[in-house]
């Protein structure tokens, strides 16, 4: 699995979810979009929500 500055991809996804409460829904949507772009750029599979 790829390592993003000490964070796993699942941890990065969880960070986006947790910041929704504090940063607001629009900011969380932008962060999720950026994370998706990063996954695509690195050509790695995006984690699937359970």
N, C-alpha and C. Protein backbone atom coordinates (compact mmCIF):
# COMPACT_ATOMS: atom_id res chain seq x y z
N UNK A 1 0.84 -1.19 0.00
CA UNK A 1 0.00 0.00 0.00
C UNK A 1 0.88 1.24 0.00
N UNK A 2 0.42 2.27 -0.69
CA UNK A 2 1.15 3.53 -0.75
C UNK A 2 1.15 4.20 0.62
N UNK A 3 2.17 5.01 0.84
CA UNK A 3 2.30 5.74 2.09
C UNK A 3 2.33 7.22 1.76
N UNK A 4 1.41 7.98 2.33
CA UNK A 4 1.32 9.41 2.07
C UNK A 4 1.76 10.19 3.30
N UNK A 5 3.05 10.41 3.43
CA UNK A 5 3.56 11.19 4.55
C UNK A 5 3.26 10.56 5.89
N UNK A 6 3.27 9.24 5.95
CA UNK A 6 3.00 8.55 7.20
C UNK A 6 1.55 8.15 7.36
N UNK A 7 0.69 8.61 6.48
CA UNK A 7 -0.74 8.29 6.55
C UNK A 7 -1.08 7.28 5.45
N UNK A 8 -1.90 6.30 5.80
CA UNK A 8 -2.37 5.37 4.77
C UNK A 8 -3.53 6.01 4.03
N UNK A 9 -3.90 5.43 2.92
CA UNK A 9 -5.02 5.97 2.14
C UNK A 9 -6.31 5.93 2.94
N UNK A 10 -6.52 4.89 3.71
CA UNK A 10 -7.73 4.82 4.54
C UNK A 10 -7.73 5.92 5.59
N UNK A 11 -6.56 6.22 6.15
CA UNK A 11 -6.48 7.29 7.14
C UNK A 11 -6.75 8.65 6.50
N UNK A 12 -6.27 8.85 5.30
CA UNK A 12 -6.54 10.11 4.60
C UNK A 12 -8.03 10.27 4.33
N UNK A 13 -8.67 9.20 3.93
CA UNK A 13 -10.12 9.24 3.69
C UNK A 13 -10.86 9.57 4.99
N UNK A 14 -10.44 8.98 6.08
CA UNK A 14 -11.08 9.23 7.37
C UNK A 14 -10.88 10.68 7.82
N UNK A 15 -9.73 11.24 7.54
CA UNK A 15 -9.47 12.64 7.88
C UNK A 15 -10.46 13.54 7.16
N UNK A 16 -10.72 13.25 5.88
CA UNK A 16 -11.69 14.05 5.12
C UNK A 16 -13.06 13.97 5.79
N UNK A 17 -13.48 12.76 6.16
CA UNK A 17 -14.78 12.61 6.81
C UNK A 17 -14.86 13.37 8.13
N UNK A 18 -13.80 13.28 8.92
CA UNK A 18 -13.81 13.92 10.24
C UNK A 18 -13.79 15.45 10.16
N UNK A 19 -13.19 15.99 9.13
CA UNK A 19 -13.13 17.45 9.00
C UNK A 19 -14.44 18.05 8.53
N UNK A 20 -15.36 17.23 8.07
CA UNK A 20 -16.65 17.74 7.60
C UNK A 20 -17.35 18.56 8.67
N UNK A 21 -17.34 18.09 9.89
CA UNK A 21 -18.02 18.78 10.99
C UNK A 21 -17.40 20.15 11.24
N UNK A 22 -16.08 20.22 11.20
CA UNK A 22 -15.39 21.47 11.55
C UNK A 22 -15.24 22.42 10.36
N UNK A 23 -14.97 21.87 9.18
CA UNK A 23 -14.71 22.72 8.02
C UNK A 23 -15.95 23.00 7.20
N UNK A 24 -16.96 22.18 7.37
CA UNK A 24 -18.18 22.35 6.61
C UNK A 24 -18.24 21.41 5.41
N UNK A 25 -19.46 21.17 4.98
CA UNK A 25 -19.69 20.22 3.91
C UNK A 25 -19.02 20.62 2.60
N UNK A 26 -19.11 21.89 2.16
CA UNK A 26 -18.45 22.27 0.90
C UNK A 26 -16.94 22.02 0.92
N UNK A 27 -16.29 22.33 2.02
CA UNK A 27 -14.85 22.10 2.13
C UNK A 27 -14.53 20.61 2.10
N UNK A 28 -15.36 19.80 2.73
CA UNK A 28 -15.14 18.36 2.73
C UNK A 28 -15.31 17.78 1.33
N UNK A 29 -16.28 18.29 0.59
CA UNK A 29 -16.47 17.83 -0.80
C UNK A 29 -15.24 18.18 -1.64
N UNK A 30 -14.71 19.39 -1.46
CA UNK A 30 -13.50 19.78 -2.18
C UNK A 30 -12.31 18.90 -1.80
N UNK A 31 -12.18 18.59 -0.52
CA UNK A 31 -11.09 17.74 -0.06
C UNK A 31 -11.23 16.33 -0.62
N UNK A 32 -12.44 15.79 -0.63
CA UNK A 32 -12.67 14.46 -1.18
C UNK A 32 -12.35 14.44 -2.68
N UNK A 33 -12.70 15.50 -3.37
CA UNK A 33 -12.39 15.60 -4.80
C UNK A 33 -10.89 15.63 -5.03
N UNK A 34 -10.18 16.39 -4.21
CA UNK A 34 -8.72 16.46 -4.33
C UNK A 34 -8.08 15.11 -4.05
N UNK A 35 -8.60 14.39 -3.07
CA UNK A 35 -8.08 13.08 -2.73
C UNK A 35 -8.33 12.10 -3.88
N UNK A 36 -9.48 12.19 -4.52
CA UNK A 36 -9.79 11.35 -5.67
C UNK A 36 -8.82 11.65 -6.81
N UNK A 37 -8.55 12.92 -7.05
CA UNK A 37 -7.60 13.30 -8.10
C UNK A 37 -6.21 12.74 -7.79
N UNK A 38 -5.81 12.79 -6.53
CA UNK A 38 -4.51 12.25 -6.13
C UNK A 38 -4.45 10.75 -6.40
N UNK A 39 -5.51 10.02 -6.02
CA UNK A 39 -5.54 8.58 -6.27
C UNK A 39 -5.42 8.30 -7.76
N UNK A 40 -6.15 9.06 -8.58
CA UNK A 40 -6.10 8.88 -10.03
C UNK A 40 -4.72 9.18 -10.59
N UNK A 41 -4.11 10.25 -10.10
CA UNK A 41 -2.79 10.64 -10.58
C UNK A 41 -1.75 9.56 -10.26
N UNK A 42 -1.85 8.97 -9.09
CA UNK A 42 -0.91 7.92 -8.69
C UNK A 42 -1.30 6.55 -9.24
N UNK A 43 -2.43 6.51 -9.95
CA UNK A 43 -2.94 5.28 -10.54
C UNK A 43 -3.12 4.17 -9.51
N UNK A 44 -3.77 4.53 -8.42
CA UNK A 44 -4.06 3.55 -7.38
C UNK A 44 -5.58 3.47 -7.18
N UNK A 45 -6.02 2.32 -6.73
CA UNK A 45 -7.44 2.13 -6.49
C UNK A 45 -7.88 2.93 -5.28
N UNK A 46 -9.04 3.56 -5.42
CA UNK A 46 -9.60 4.30 -4.30
C UNK A 46 -10.27 3.32 -3.34
N UNK A 47 -10.10 3.56 -2.05
CA UNK A 47 -10.78 2.69 -1.08
C UNK A 47 -12.30 2.78 -1.27
N UNK A 48 -12.96 1.68 -1.08
CA UNK A 48 -14.41 1.63 -1.20
C UNK A 48 -15.02 1.67 0.19
N UNK A 49 -16.01 2.55 0.37
CA UNK A 49 -16.67 2.64 1.67
C UNK A 49 -17.38 1.35 1.97
N UNK A 50 -17.36 0.98 3.22
CA UNK A 50 -18.03 -0.25 3.65
C UNK A 50 -19.45 0.02 4.02
